[in-house]
């Protein structure tokens, strides 16, 4: 009879995708905001004596729209890929076949990744800064793209982003240790 060994986390690591560690908290926040808005709207409308059946349906509908607007994207990575899943649909790029990386300027500086297969993903770079495993998987794939010669534009964007993430990580370590 063959002896089986229990699966450990270290043996599962290559099989399980990395994900945004703050995603669940952000979803709870979005749901909480929508529920508070719905509850307060219904309560105020009822207290003012203006609550009608149509308005009783309007407030939950508006709260659902708020929930959709506040729901964060779910970012996951694995060996050679990065996926971003929104409330409606998801997108996936091969990080080991990247062709273009851009950072859109503006209030929400989005990172746009394109691969050799025509796929495109947009994500918030702060997700990468807050999740070192996501950044590591993206960086490893981008280095493979550079080695293979597929990454033609955007290597400097990833290098700058890497420096910013490293600087922020170092500051966080110094703050936690009481030096800064």
C-alpha atoms as a PDB file:
ATOM      1  CA  UNK A   1       0.000   0.000   0.000  1.00  0.00           C
ATOM      2  CA  UNK A   2       1.466   3.332  -1.053  1.00  0.00           C
ATOM      3  CA  UNK A   3       1.955   5.927   1.605  1.00  0.00           C
ATOM      4  CA  UNK A   4       0.506   9.332   0.784  1.00  0.00           C
ATOM      5  CA  UNK A   5       1.945  12.554   2.079  1.00  0.00           C
ATOM      6  CA  UNK A   6      -0.296  15.396   3.123  1.00  0.00           C
ATOM      7  CA  UNK A   7      -0.309  18.427   0.854  1.00  0.00           C
ATOM      8  CA  UNK A   8       1.420  21.359   2.425  1.00  0.00           C
ATOM      9  CA  UNK A   9       1.129  25.006   1.557  1.00  0.00           C
ATOM     10  CA  UNK A  10       4.631  25.029   0.080  1.00  0.00           C
ATOM     11  CA  UNK A  11       3.698  22.221  -2.312  1.00  0.00           C
ATOM     12  CA  UNK A  12       0.486  24.006  -3.319  1.00  0.00           C
ATOM     13  CA  UNK A  13       2.130  27.405  -3.885  1.00  0.00           C
ATOM     14  CA  UNK A  14       2.861  26.848  -7.595  1.00  0.00           C
ATOM     15  CA  UNK A  15      -0.711  25.631  -8.151  1.00  0.00           C
ATOM     16  CA  UNK A  16      -2.599  28.412  -6.376  1.00  0.00           C
ATOM     17  CA  UNK A  17      -2.802  31.883  -7.912  1.00  0.00           C
ATOM     18  CA  UNK A  18      -1.751  34.914  -5.904  1.00  0.00           C
ATOM     19  CA  UNK A  19      -4.462  37.444  -5.191  1.00  0.00           C
ATOM     20  CA  UNK A  20      -4.998  40.886  -3.781  1.00  0.00           C
ATOM     21  CA  UNK A  21      -4.898  40.581   0.009  1.00  0.00           C
ATOM     22  CA  UNK A  22      -7.086  43.675   0.549  1.00  0.00           C
ATOM     23  CA  UNK A  23      -9.808  42.650  -1.918  1.00  0.00           C
ATOM     24  CA  UNK A  24     -12.128  41.058   0.653  1.00  0.00           C
ATOM     25  CA  UNK A  25     -11.917  44.114   2.925  1.00  0.00           C
ATOM     26  CA  UNK A  26     -12.629  46.427  -0.023  1.00  0.00           C
ATOM     27  CA  UNK A  27     -15.675  44.329  -0.982  1.00  0.00           C
ATOM     28  CA  UNK A  28     -16.957  44.484   2.600  1.00  0.00           C
ATOM     29  CA  UNK A  29     -16.516  48.266   2.549  1.00  0.00           C
ATOM     30  CA  UNK A  30     -18.435  48.571  -0.752  1.00  0.00           C
ATOM     31  CA  UNK A  31     -21.278  46.385   0.528  1.00  0.00           C
ATOM     32  CA  UNK A  32     -21.386  48.330   3.787  1.00  0.00           C
ATOM     33  CA  UNK A  33     -21.593  51.680   1.982  1.00  0.00           C
ATOM     34  CA  UNK A  34     -24.394  50.417  -0.264  1.00  0.00           C
ATOM     35  CA  UNK A  35     -26.353  48.989   2.676  1.00  0.00           C
ATOM     36  CA  UNK A  36     -25.944  52.164   4.744  1.00  0.00           C
ATOM     37  CA  UNK A  37     -27.091  54.292   1.808  1.00  0.00           C
ATOM     38  CA  UNK A  38     -30.110  52.062   1.222  1.00  0.00           C
ATOM     39  CA  UNK A  39     -31.057  51.941   4.891  1.00  0.00           C
ATOM     40  CA  UNK A  40     -30.641  55.670   5.510  1.00  0.00           C
ATOM     41  CA  UNK A  41     -32.489  56.596   2.316  1.00  0.00           C
ATOM     42  CA  UNK A  42     -35.434  54.367   3.195  1.00  0.00           C
ATOM     43  CA  UNK A  43     -35.439  55.574   6.788  1.00  0.00           C
ATOM     44  CA  UNK A  44     -35.319  59.259   5.847  1.00  0.00           C
ATOM     45  CA  UNK A  45     -37.977  58.808   3.173  1.00  0.00           C
ATOM     46  CA  UNK A  46     -40.218  56.943   5.630  1.00  0.00           C
ATOM     47  CA  UNK A  47     -39.590  59.528   8.359  1.00  0.00           C
ATOM     48  CA  UNK A  48     -40.554  62.343   5.987  1.00  0.00           C
ATOM     49  CA  UNK A  49     -43.745  60.483   5.095  1.00  0.00           C
ATOM     50  CA  UNK A  50     -42.875  60.396   1.387  1.00  0.00           C
ATOM     51  CA  UNK A  51     -42.098  56.684   1.044  1.00  0.00           C
ATOM     52  CA  UNK A  52     -44.132  55.193  -1.783  1.00  0.00           C
ATOM     53  CA  UNK A  53     -43.820  51.718  -3.348  1.00  0.00           C
ATOM     54  CA  UNK A  54     -41.970  53.199  -6.315  1.00  0.00           C
ATOM     55  CA  UNK A  55     -39.495  55.016  -4.054  1.00  0.00           C
ATOM     56  CA  UNK A  56     -39.124  51.883  -1.933  1.00  0.00           C
ATOM     57  CA  UNK A  57     -37.819  50.163  -5.086  1.00  0.00           C
ATOM     58  CA  UNK A  58     -35.752  53.163  -6.203  1.00  0.00           C
ATOM     59  CA  UNK A  59     -33.477  53.313  -3.144  1.00  0.00           C
ATOM     60  CA  UNK A  60     -32.292  49.676  -3.316  1.00  0.00           C
ATOM     61  CA  UNK A  61     -31.757  50.081  -7.083  1.00  0.00           C
ATOM     62  CA  UNK A  62     -29.603  53.173  -6.521  1.00  0.00           C
ATOM     63  CA  UNK A  63     -27.733  51.351  -3.770  1.00  0.00           C
ATOM     64  CA  UNK A  64     -27.039  48.481  -6.181  1.00  0.00           C
ATOM     65  CA  UNK A  65     -25.593  50.974  -8.681  1.00  0.00           C
ATOM     66  CA  UNK A  66     -23.398  52.396  -5.911  1.00  0.00           C
ATOM     67  CA  UNK A  67     -22.254  48.879  -5.029  1.00  0.00           C
ATOM     68  CA  UNK A  68     -21.253  48.201  -8.644  1.00  0.00           C
ATOM     69  CA  UNK A  69     -19.341  51.477  -8.762  1.00  0.00           C
ATOM     70  CA  UNK A  70     -17.478  50.761  -5.511  1.00  0.00           C
ATOM     71  CA  UNK A  71     -16.684  47.078  -6.104  1.00  0.00           C
ATOM     72  CA  UNK A  72     -12.941  46.677  -6.573  1.00  0.00           C
ATOM     73  CA  UNK A  73     -11.355  44.695  -9.372  1.00  0.00           C
ATOM     74  CA  UNK A  74     -10.003  41.299  -8.359  1.00  0.00           C
ATOM     75  CA  UNK A  75      -6.374  40.938  -9.433  1.00  0.00           C
ATOM     76  CA  UNK A  76      -4.769  37.489  -9.466  1.00  0.00           C
ATOM     77  CA  UNK A  77      -1.521  36.226 -10.895  1.00  0.00           C
ATOM     78  CA  UNK A  78       0.130  32.950 -11.563  1.00  0.00           C
ATOM     79  CA  UNK A  79       3.177  31.704 -13.349  1.00  0.00           C
ATOM     80  CA  UNK A  80       3.204  33.738 -16.567  1.00  0.00           C
ATOM     81  CA  UNK A  81      -0.237  35.374 -16.350  1.00  0.00           C
ATOM     82  CA  UNK A  82      -2.139  38.208 -14.688  1.00  0.00           C
ATOM     83  CA  UNK A  83      -5.933  38.397 -14.519  1.00  0.00           C
ATOM     84  CA  UNK A  84      -8.193  41.305 -13.601  1.00  0.00           C
ATOM     85  CA  UNK A  85     -11.832  40.514 -12.869  1.00  0.00           C
ATOM     86  CA  UNK A  86     -14.407  43.293 -12.593  1.00  0.00           C
ATOM     87  CA  UNK A  87     -18.065  43.034 -11.593  1.00  0.00           C
ATOM     88  CA  UNK A  88     -19.114  42.132 -15.142  1.00  0.00           C
ATOM     89  CA  UNK A  89     -16.179  40.450 -16.899  1.00  0.00           C
ATOM     90  CA  UNK A  90     -12.523  39.634 -16.587  1.00  0.00           C
ATOM     91  CA  UNK A  91      -9.382  40.059 -18.650  1.00  0.00           C
ATOM     92  CA  UNK A  92      -6.155  38.077 -18.716  1.00  0.00           C
ATOM     93  CA  UNK A  93      -2.700  38.784 -20.152  1.00  0.00           C
ATOM     94  CA  UNK A  94       0.356  36.610 -20.497  1.00  0.00           C
ATOM     95  CA  UNK A  95       3.053  38.417 -18.518  1.00  0.00           C
ATOM     96  CA  UNK A  96       5.763  36.344 -20.171  1.00  0.00           C
ATOM     97  CA  UNK A  97       4.595  37.642 -23.594  1.00  0.00           C
ATOM     98  CA  UNK A  98       4.052  41.341 -22.841  1.00  0.00           C
ATOM     99  CA  UNK A  99       4.467  43.730 -25.756  1.00  0.00           C
ATOM    100  CA  UNK A 100       3.469  47.060 -24.247  1.00  0.00           C
ATOM    101  CA  UNK A 101       3.207  48.542 -20.750  1.00  0.00           C
ATOM    102  CA  UNK A 102       1.846  52.038 -20.201  1.00  0.00           C
ATOM    103  CA  UNK A 103       0.854  54.085 -17.208  1.00  0.00           C
ATOM    104  CA  UNK A 104      -2.008  56.456 -17.967  1.00  0.00           C
ATOM    105  CA  UNK A 105      -1.542  59.856 -16.323  1.00  0.00           C
ATOM    106  CA  UNK A 106      -4.292  61.367 -14.255  1.00  0.00           C
ATOM    107  CA  UNK A 107      -6.039  61.047 -10.943  1.00  0.00           C
ATOM    108  CA  UNK A 108      -6.203  57.252 -11.102  1.00  0.00           C
ATOM    109  CA  UNK A 109      -2.921  56.392 -12.801  1.00  0.00           C
ATOM    110  CA  UNK A 110      -3.929  53.073 -14.387  1.00  0.00           C
ATOM    111  CA  UNK A 111      -1.351  50.553 -15.542  1.00  0.00           C
ATOM    112  CA  UNK A 112      -2.188  49.136 -18.995  1.00  0.00           C
ATOM    113  CA  UNK A 113      -0.598  45.829 -20.037  1.00  0.00           C
ATOM    114  CA  UNK A 114      -0.828  44.293 -23.534  1.00  0.00           C
ATOM    115  CA  UNK A 115       0.454  40.896 -24.597  1.00  0.00           C
ATOM    116  CA  UNK A 116       1.459  39.330 -27.901  1.00  0.00           C
ATOM    117  CA  UNK A 117      -1.936  37.639 -28.234  1.00  0.00           C
ATOM    118  CA  UNK A 118      -3.860  40.926 -28.356  1.00  0.00           C
ATOM    119  CA  UNK A 119      -5.141  40.800 -24.771  1.00  0.00           C
ATOM    120  CA  UNK A 120      -5.237  43.952 -22.647  1.00  0.00           C
ATOM    121  CA  UNK A 121      -5.576  44.541 -18.902  1.00  0.00           C
ATOM    122  CA  UNK A 122      -5.942  47.739 -16.877  1.00  0.00           C
ATOM    123  CA  UNK A 123      -5.234  47.819 -13.154  1.00  0.00           C
ATOM    124  CA  UNK A 124      -4.420  50.174 -10.337  1.00  0.00           C
ATOM    125  CA  UNK A 125      -0.663  50.097  -9.575  1.00  0.00           C
ATOM    126  CA  UNK A 126      -1.436  50.523  -5.862  1.00  0.00           C
ATOM    127  CA  UNK A 127      -2.724  46.931  -5.879  1.00  0.00           C
ATOM    128  CA  UNK A 128       0.751  45.791  -6.930  1.00  0.00           C
ATOM    129  CA  UNK A 129       2.406  47.986  -4.295  1.00  0.00           C
ATOM    130  CA  UNK A 130       0.182  46.526  -1.558  1.00  0.00           C
ATOM    131  CA  UNK A 131       0.713  42.914  -2.673  1.00  0.00           C
ATOM    132  CA  UNK A 132       4.372  41.916  -3.105  1.00  0.00           C
ATOM    133  CA  UNK A 133       3.502  38.480  -4.518  1.00  0.00           C
ATOM    134  CA  UNK A 134       1.431  40.028  -7.307  1.00  0.00           C
ATOM    135  CA  UNK A 135       4.275  42.420  -8.111  1.00  0.00           C
ATOM    136  CA  UNK A 136       6.819  39.591  -8.059  1.00  0.00           C
ATOM    137  CA  UNK A 137       4.789  37.504 -10.518  1.00  0.00           C
ATOM    138  CA  UNK A 138       4.319  40.478 -12.859  1.00  0.00           C
ATOM    139  CA  UNK A 139       7.981  41.460 -12.633  1.00  0.00           C
ATOM    140  CA  UNK A 140       9.151  37.890 -13.291  1.00  0.00           C
ATOM    141  CA  UNK A 141       6.918  37.630 -16.352  1.00  0.00           C
ATOM    142  CA  UNK A 142       8.029  41.039 -17.631  1.00  0.00           C
ATOM    143  CA  UNK A 143      11.681  40.014 -17.311  1.00  0.00           C
ATOM    144  CA  UNK A 144      10.921  36.935 -19.409  1.00  0.00           C
ATOM    145  CA  UNK A 145       9.255  39.184 -21.979  1.00  0.00           C
ATOM    146  CA  UNK A 146      12.364  41.355 -22.075  1.00  0.00           C
ATOM    147  CA  UNK A 147      14.612  38.304 -22.492  1.00  0.00           C
ATOM    148  CA  UNK A 148      12.443  36.998 -25.349  1.00  0.00           C
ATOM    149  CA  UNK A 149      12.328  40.418 -26.986  1.00  0.00           C
ATOM    150  CA  UNK A 150       8.542  40.772 -26.989  1.00  0.00           C
ATOM    151  CA  UNK A 151       8.412  43.755 -24.595  1.00  0.00           C
ATOM    152  CA  UNK A 152       9.081  46.653 -26.945  1.00  0.00           C
ATOM    153  CA  UNK A 153       7.561  49.556 -24.986  1.00  0.00           C
ATOM    154  CA  UNK A 154       7.230  50.141 -21.284  1.00  0.00           C
ATOM    155  CA  UNK A 155      10.243  48.511 -19.655  1.00  0.00           C
ATOM    156  CA  UNK A 156      11.078  51.896 -18.100  1.00  0.00           C
ATOM    157  CA  UNK A 157       7.529  52.140 -16.697  1.00  0.00           C
ATOM    158  CA  UNK A 158       7.941  48.790 -14.942  1.00  0.00           C
ATOM    159  CA  UNK A 159      11.432  49.749 -13.706  1.00  0.00           C
ATOM    160  CA  UNK A 160      10.087  53.016 -12.249  1.00  0.00           C
ATOM    161  CA  UNK A 161       7.124  51.218 -10.696  1.00  0.00           C
ATOM    162  CA  UNK A 162       9.497  48.633  -9.212  1.00  0.00           C
ATOM    163  CA  UNK A 163      11.625  51.376  -7.653  1.00  0.00           C
ATOM    164  CA  UNK A 164       8.510  53.048  -6.204  1.00  0.00           C
ATOM    165  CA  UNK A 165       7.272  49.751  -4.749  1.00  0.00           C
ATOM    166  CA  UNK A 166      10.719  48.966  -3.299  1.00  0.00           C
ATOM    167  CA  UNK A 167      10.970  52.461  -1.788  1.00  0.00           C
ATOM    168  CA  UNK A 168       7.504  52.207  -0.231  1.00  0.00           C
ATOM    169  CA  UNK A 169       8.281  48.738   1.142  1.00  0.00           C
ATOM    170  CA  UNK A 170      11.532  49.993   2.679  1.00  0.00           C
ATOM    171  CA  UNK A 171       9.707  52.967   4.259  1.00  0.00           C
ATOM    172  CA  UNK A 172       7.048  50.625   5.676  1.00  0.00           C
ATOM    173  CA  UNK A 173       9.713  48.382   7.190  1.00  0.00           C
ATOM    174  CA  UNK A 174      11.502  51.388   8.721  1.00  0.00           C
ATOM    175  CA  UNK A 175       8.210  52.737  10.109  1.00  0.00           C
ATOM    176  CA  UNK A 176       7.305  49.357  11.642  1.00  0.00           C
ATOM    177  CA  UNK A 177      10.717  49.077  13.232  1.00  0.00           C
ATOM    178  CA  UNK A 178      10.477  52.580  14.722  1.00  0.00           C
ATOM    179  CA  UNK A 179      13.461  53.990  12.837  1.00  0.00           C
ATOM    180  CA  UNK A 180      11.430  56.358  10.684  1.00  0.00           C
END
